[in-house]
Amino acid sequence: MALKRFRGKSAALVVLNTLMALPTVVVGLLFYAILSRRGPLGDLGLLYTPTGISLGLFVSRFRR
């Protein structure tokens, strides 16, 4: 992002900076809501599985 110019760069920077400002608890609650039975990915049954935990760890690694 720092080296290239492209259309929508300023909007992408706003979104990324906003996501970095979210507390870890909020991100965890969002993932729980997405992976729970009533969530959009609830039919996949990923909550409390190694795959679901791996997804959470993957996202938390990029928040640092």
C-alpha atoms as a PDB file:
ATOM      1  CA  MET A   1       0.000   0.000   0.000  1.00  0.00           C
ATOM      2  CA  ALA A   2       2.853   2.378   0.718  1.00  0.00           C
ATOM      3  CA  LEU A   3       4.657   1.855  -2.569  1.00  0.00           C
ATOM      4  CA  LYS A   4       1.883   1.784  -5.163  1.00  0.00           C
ATOM      5  CA  ARG A   5      -0.792   4.233  -6.237  1.00  0.00           C
ATOM      6  CA  PHE A   6      -4.178   2.831  -7.122  1.00  0.00           C
ATOM      7  CA  ARG A   7      -7.804   3.831  -7.242  1.00  0.00           C
ATOM      8  CA  GLY A   8      -9.438   3.640  -3.824  1.00  0.00           C
ATOM      9  CA  LYS A   9      -6.177   3.778  -1.890  1.00  0.00           C
ATOM     10  CA  SER A  10      -7.435   6.429   0.524  1.00  0.00           C
ATOM     11  CA  ALA A  11     -10.609   4.432   1.239  1.00  0.00           C
ATOM     12  CA  ALA A  12      -8.569   1.265   1.809  1.00  0.00           C
ATOM     13  CA  LEU A  13      -6.297   3.130   4.228  1.00  0.00           C
ATOM     14  CA  VAL A  14      -9.308   4.409   6.181  1.00  0.00           C
ATOM     15  CA  VAL A  15     -10.740   0.886   6.455  1.00  0.00           C
ATOM     16  CA  LEU A  16      -7.404  -0.646   7.511  1.00  0.00           C
ATOM     17  CA  ASN A  17      -6.705   2.056  10.090  1.00  0.00           C
ATOM     18  CA  THR A  18     -10.205   1.653  11.514  1.00  0.00           C
ATOM     19  CA  LEU A  19      -9.794  -2.114  11.789  1.00  0.00           C
ATOM     20  CA  MET A  20      -6.442  -1.705  13.565  1.00  0.00           C
ATOM     21  CA  ALA A  21      -8.101   0.546  16.154  1.00  0.00           C
ATOM     22  CA  LEU A  22     -10.670  -2.110  17.147  1.00  0.00           C
ATOM     23  CA  PRO A  23      -9.965  -3.836  20.449  1.00  0.00           C
ATOM     24  CA  THR A  24      -9.168  -7.536  20.309  1.00  0.00           C
ATOM     25  CA  VAL A  25     -12.320  -8.357  22.286  1.00  0.00           C
ATOM     26  CA  VAL A  26     -14.495  -6.721  19.627  1.00  0.00           C
ATOM     27  CA  VAL A  27     -12.794  -8.702  16.863  1.00  0.00           C
ATOM     28  CA  GLY A  28     -13.282 -11.906  18.856  1.00  0.00           C
ATOM     29  CA  LEU A  29     -16.969 -11.178  19.351  1.00  0.00           C
ATOM     30  CA  LEU A  30     -17.386 -10.477  15.639  1.00  0.00           C
ATOM     31  CA  PHE A  31     -15.780 -13.810  14.761  1.00  0.00           C
ATOM     32  CA  TYR A  32     -17.951 -15.579  17.297  1.00  0.00           C
ATOM     33  CA  ALA A  33     -21.044 -13.988  15.754  1.00  0.00           C
ATOM     34  CA  ILE A  34     -19.945 -14.966  12.247  1.00  0.00           C
ATOM     35  CA  LEU A  35     -19.115 -18.571  13.173  1.00  0.00           C
ATOM     36  CA  SER A  36     -22.030 -19.227  15.562  1.00  0.00           C
ATOM     37  CA  ARG A  37     -25.054 -21.250  14.418  1.00  0.00           C
ATOM     38  CA  ARG A  38     -27.089 -18.151  13.585  1.00  0.00           C
ATOM     39  CA  GLY A  39     -24.193 -16.438  11.854  1.00  0.00           C
ATOM     40  CA  PRO A  40     -23.501 -16.369   8.113  1.00  0.00           C
ATOM     41  CA  LEU A  41     -20.959 -19.209   8.383  1.00  0.00           C
ATOM     42  CA  GLY A  42     -22.881 -21.151  11.032  1.00  0.00           C
ATOM     43  CA  ASP A  43     -23.886 -23.907   8.613  1.00  0.00           C
ATOM     44  CA  LEU A  44     -20.227 -24.851   8.199  1.00  0.00           C
ATOM     45  CA  GLY A  45     -19.976 -25.844  11.873  1.00  0.00           C
ATOM     46  CA  LEU A  46     -16.601 -24.178  12.419  1.00  0.00           C
ATOM     47  CA  LEU A  47     -17.191 -22.873  15.946  1.00  0.00           C
ATOM     48  CA  TYR A  48     -14.806 -24.511  18.462  1.00  0.00           C
ATOM     49  CA  THR A  49     -13.142 -26.639  15.793  1.00  0.00           C
ATOM     50  CA  PRO A  50      -9.455 -26.626  14.852  1.00  0.00           C
ATOM     51  CA  THR A  51     -10.338 -24.923  11.541  1.00  0.00           C
ATOM     52  CA  GLY A  52     -12.312 -22.169  13.269  1.00  0.00           C
ATOM     53  CA  ILE A  53      -9.558 -21.649  15.814  1.00  0.00           C
ATOM     54  CA  SER A  54      -7.017 -21.458  13.005  1.00  0.00           C
ATOM     55  CA  LEU A  55      -9.097 -18.763  11.300  1.00  0.00           C
ATOM     56  CA  GLY A  56      -9.186 -16.757  14.515  1.00  0.00           C
ATOM     57  CA  LEU A  57      -5.449 -17.092  15.011  1.00  0.00           C
ATOM     58  CA  PHE A  58      -4.841 -16.072  11.399  1.00  0.00           C
ATOM     59  CA  VAL A  59      -6.856 -12.885  11.832  1.00  0.00           C
ATOM     60  CA  SER A  60      -5.347 -12.095  15.233  1.00  0.00           C
ATOM     61  CA  ARG A  61      -1.840 -12.440  13.780  1.00  0.00           C
ATOM     62  CA  PHE A  62      -2.541  -9.649  11.283  1.00  0.00           C
ATOM     63  CA  ARG A  63      -3.885  -7.310  13.965  1.00  0.00           C
ATOM     64  CA  ARG A  64      -0.404  -6.802  15.443  1.00  0.00           C
END
